[in-house]
C-alpha atoms as a PDB file:
ATOM      1  CA  MET A   1     -77.425-117.694  48.345  1.00  0.00           C
ATOM      2  CA  ASP A   2     -76.268-119.700  45.347  1.00  0.00           C
ATOM      3  CA  LYS A   3     -79.063-121.030  43.151  1.00  0.00           C
ATOM      4  CA  VAL A   4     -79.406-124.178  41.097  1.00  0.00           C
ATOM      5  CA  THR A   5     -82.134-124.668  38.516  1.00  0.00           C
ATOM      6  CA  ILE A   6     -83.035-128.292  37.828  1.00  0.00           C
ATOM      7  CA  VAL A   7     -85.077-129.171  34.760  1.00  0.00           C
ATOM      8  CA  LEU A   8     -86.884-132.523  34.838  1.00  0.00           C
ATOM      9  CA  GLN A   9     -88.326-134.165  31.743  1.00  0.00           C
ATOM     10  CA  ASP A  10     -89.062-137.810  32.528  1.00  0.00           C
ATOM     11  CA  ALA A  11     -91.971-139.519  34.231  1.00  0.00           C
ATOM     12  CA  PRO A  12     -91.542-139.869  38.000  1.00  0.00           C
ATOM     13  CA  TYR A  13     -91.471-143.658  37.825  1.00  0.00           C
ATOM     14  CA  GLY A  14     -89.978-146.022  35.267  1.00  0.00           C
ATOM     15  CA  ASN A  15     -86.387-144.869  35.643  1.00  0.00           C
ATOM     16  CA  GLU A  16     -84.557-143.142  38.477  1.00  0.00           C
ATOM     17  CA  LYS A  17     -83.833-139.731  36.931  1.00  0.00           C
ATOM     18  CA  VAL A  18     -86.499-137.826  38.876  1.00  0.00           C
ATOM     19  CA  TRP A  19     -85.691-139.720  42.083  1.00  0.00           C
ATOM     20  CA  ASN A  20     -81.983-138.922  41.718  1.00  0.00           C
ATOM     21  CA  ALA A  21     -82.727-135.272  40.945  1.00  0.00           C
ATOM     22  CA  LEU A  22     -84.826-134.997  44.106  1.00  0.00           C
ATOM     23  CA  ARG A  23     -82.150-136.725  46.170  1.00  0.00           C
ATOM     24  CA  LEU A  24     -79.650-134.186  44.834  1.00  0.00           C
ATOM     25  CA  THR A  25     -82.109-131.405  45.635  1.00  0.00           C
ATOM     26  CA  GLN A  26     -82.327-132.614  49.242  1.00  0.00           C
ATOM     27  CA  ALA A  27     -78.531-132.550  49.485  1.00  0.00           C
ATOM     28  CA  LEU A  28     -78.269-129.093  47.893  1.00  0.00           C
ATOM     29  CA  LEU A  29     -80.863-127.672  50.274  1.00  0.00           C
ATOM     30  CA  SER A  30     -79.007-129.201  53.225  1.00  0.00           C
ATOM     31  CA  VAL A  31     -75.831-127.285  52.309  1.00  0.00           C
ATOM     32  CA  GLY A  32     -77.663-123.981  51.917  1.00  0.00           C
ATOM     33  CA  MET A  33     -78.229-123.835  48.163  1.00  0.00           C
ATOM     34  CA  GLY A  34     -81.403-122.431  46.689  1.00  0.00           C
ATOM     35  CA  VAL A  35     -83.113-124.872  44.322  1.00  0.00           C
ATOM     36  CA  ARG A  36     -85.662-124.215  41.603  1.00  0.00           C
ATOM     37  CA  ILE A  37     -87.237-127.145  39.767  1.00  0.00           C
ATOM     38  CA  PHE A  38     -89.037-126.864  36.444  1.00  0.00           C
ATOM     39  CA  LEU A  39     -91.142-129.812  35.296  1.00  0.00           C
ATOM     40  CA  TYR A  40     -91.494-130.534  31.571  1.00  0.00           C
ATOM     41  CA  GLY A  41     -93.281-133.347  29.770  1.00  0.00           C
ATOM     42  CA  ASP A  42     -94.218-136.385  31.826  1.00  0.00           C
ATOM     43  CA  SER A  43     -92.339-135.017  34.843  1.00  0.00           C
ATOM     44  CA  VAL A  44     -95.350-132.775  35.640  1.00  0.00           C
ATOM     45  CA  ILE A  45     -96.866-135.886  37.241  1.00  0.00           C
ATOM     46  CA  ALA A  46     -94.037-135.810  39.815  1.00  0.00           C
ATOM     47  CA  ALA A  47     -95.846-132.988  41.628  1.00  0.00           C
ATOM     48  CA  LYS A  48     -99.279-134.613  41.513  1.00  0.00           C
ATOM     49  CA  LYS A  49    -100.837-135.214  44.908  1.00  0.00           C
ATOM     50  CA  GLY A  50    -102.198-138.585  45.973  1.00  0.00           C
ATOM     51  CA  GLN A  51     -99.445-140.793  44.562  1.00  0.00           C
ATOM     52  CA  SER A  52     -99.652-144.332  45.932  1.00  0.00           C
ATOM     53  CA  THR A  53     -96.585-146.532  45.746  1.00  0.00           C
ATOM     54  CA  PRO A  54     -95.941-150.049  47.031  1.00  0.00           C
ATOM     55  CA  THR A  55     -94.661-150.402  50.583  1.00  0.00           C
ATOM     56  CA  GLY A  56     -90.917-149.821  50.692  1.00  0.00           C
ATOM     57  CA  PHE A  57     -90.849-147.981  47.349  1.00  0.00           C
ATOM     58  CA  TYR A  58     -89.947-144.292  47.201  1.00  0.00           C
ATOM     59  CA  ASN A  59     -92.813-141.848  46.698  1.00  0.00           C
ATOM     60  CA  ILE A  60     -91.909-138.951  44.425  1.00  0.00           C
ATOM     61  CA  GLY A  61     -94.922-136.885  45.545  1.00  0.00           C
ATOM     62  CA  ASP A  62     -93.834-137.145  49.191  1.00  0.00           C
ATOM     63  CA  MET A  63     -90.255-136.256  48.272  1.00  0.00           C
ATOM     64  CA  MET A  64     -91.478-133.280  46.252  1.00  0.00           C
ATOM     65  CA  ALA A  65     -93.647-132.048  49.136  1.00  0.00           C
ATOM     66  CA  GLU A  66     -90.685-132.296  51.518  1.00  0.00           C
ATOM     67  CA  ILE A  67     -88.323-130.282  49.335  1.00  0.00           C
ATOM     68  CA  ILE A  68     -90.995-127.616  48.836  1.00  0.00           C
ATOM     69  CA  LYS A  69     -91.318-127.369  52.636  1.00  0.00           C
ATOM     70  CA  LYS A  70     -87.541-126.886  52.780  1.00  0.00           C
ATOM     71  CA  GLY A  71     -87.706-123.978  50.340  1.00  0.00           C
ATOM     72  CA  ALA A  72     -87.446-125.377  46.808  1.00  0.00           C
ATOM     73  CA  ASP A  73     -89.468-123.555  44.149  1.00  0.00           C
ATOM     74  CA  VAL A  74     -91.337-126.041  41.913  1.00  0.00           C
ATOM     75  CA  ARG A  75     -93.122-125.086  38.717  1.00  0.00           C
ATOM     76  CA  ALA A  76     -94.743-127.260  36.081  1.00  0.00           C
ATOM     77  CA  CYS A  77     -95.009-126.387  32.397  1.00  0.00           C
ATOM     78  CA  LEU A  78     -98.521-125.138  31.606  1.00  0.00           C
ATOM     79  CA  THR A  79     -98.584-126.705  28.135  1.00  0.00           C
ATOM     80  CA  CYS A  80     -97.308-130.042  29.470  1.00  0.00           C
ATOM     81  CA  ALA A  81     -99.813-130.065  32.343  1.00  0.00           C
ATOM     82  CA  ASN A  82    -102.685-129.246  29.968  1.00  0.00           C
ATOM     83  CA  ALA A  83    -101.630-132.019  27.598  1.00  0.00           C
ATOM     84  CA  ARG A  84    -101.855-134.502  30.476  1.00  0.00           C
ATOM     85  CA  GLY A  85    -105.111-133.178  31.907  1.00  0.00           C
ATOM     86  CA  VAL A  86    -103.425-131.980  35.091  1.00  0.00           C
ATOM     87  CA  LYS A  87    -104.800-128.825  36.721  1.00  0.00           C
ATOM     88  CA  GLN A  88    -103.416-126.661  39.515  1.00  0.00           C
ATOM     89  CA  GLU A  89    -105.706-128.304  42.080  1.00  0.00           C
ATOM     90  CA  ASP A  90    -104.141-131.694  41.202  1.00  0.00           C
ATOM     91  CA  PHE A  91    -100.729-130.598  42.491  1.00  0.00           C
ATOM     92  CA  ILE A  92     -99.280-130.921  45.968  1.00  0.00           C
ATOM     93  CA  ALA A  93     -99.207-127.748  48.056  1.00  0.00           C
ATOM     94  CA  GLY A  94     -96.537-125.340  46.886  1.00  0.00           C
ATOM     95  CA  ALA A  95     -96.107-126.712  43.356  1.00  0.00           C
ATOM     96  CA  VAL A  96     -97.521-124.332  40.778  1.00  0.00           C
ATOM     97  CA  ILE A  97     -98.219-124.302  37.086  1.00  0.00           C
ATOM     98  CA  GLY A  98     -95.816-121.962  35.363  1.00  0.00           C
ATOM     99  CA  LYS A  99     -94.564-121.142  31.915  1.00  0.00           C
ATOM    100  CA  THR A 100     -91.366-121.656  30.004  1.00  0.00           C
ATOM    101  CA  LEU A 101     -90.876-117.914  30.470  1.00  0.00           C
ATOM    102  CA  ASP A 102     -90.468-118.593  34.230  1.00  0.00           C
ATOM    103  CA  LEU A 103     -87.631-120.981  33.425  1.00  0.00           C
ATOM    104  CA  ALA A 104     -86.097-118.395  31.099  1.00  0.00           C
ATOM    105  CA  HIS A 105     -86.118-115.834  33.933  1.00  0.00           C
ATOM    106  CA  TRP A 106     -84.526-118.310  36.346  1.00  0.00           C
ATOM    107  CA  ILE A 107     -81.731-119.015  33.876  1.00  0.00           C
ATOM    108  CA  LYS A 108     -81.228-115.310  33.218  1.00  0.00           C
ATOM    109  CA  GLU A 109     -80.932-114.683  36.981  1.00  0.00           C
ATOM    110  CA  GLY A 110     -77.914-116.964  36.959  1.00  0.00           C
ATOM    111  CA  GLY A 111     -76.678-119.961  38.841  1.00  0.00           C
ATOM    112  CA  GLN A 112     -76.152-123.466  37.624  1.00  0.00           C
ATOM    113  CA  VAL A 113     -78.645-125.322  35.430  1.00  0.00           C
ATOM    114  CA  MET A 114     -78.951-129.101  35.467  1.00  0.00           C
ATOM    115  CA  VAL A 115     -81.174-131.172  33.198  1.00  0.00           C
ATOM    116  CA  PHE A 116     -82.404-134.656  34.122  1.00  0.00           C
END
């Protein structure tokens, strides 16, 4: 299976980078690609459980949970999570706190890398 590593850096709301990355992830999974997502900076909040958005507005936490169920591997930067007071128990099921070394291994394993 071909793999794509997607690196997110922006907050889940405020612009559409994270939303577009997750939409792309859904499409990649639907055509049989393996997807790994690494969350840096404010994007660690994208995997936080309990997000509440206005009716009719996309919910990044729900989207993240759905792509994890479909097989995406999601890891959040330990340093970035600590800086924002986010702990493992704050994340949706399947999202884990990782390290930049995890991202380095993913890149070494090959496949495409995209940064949003």
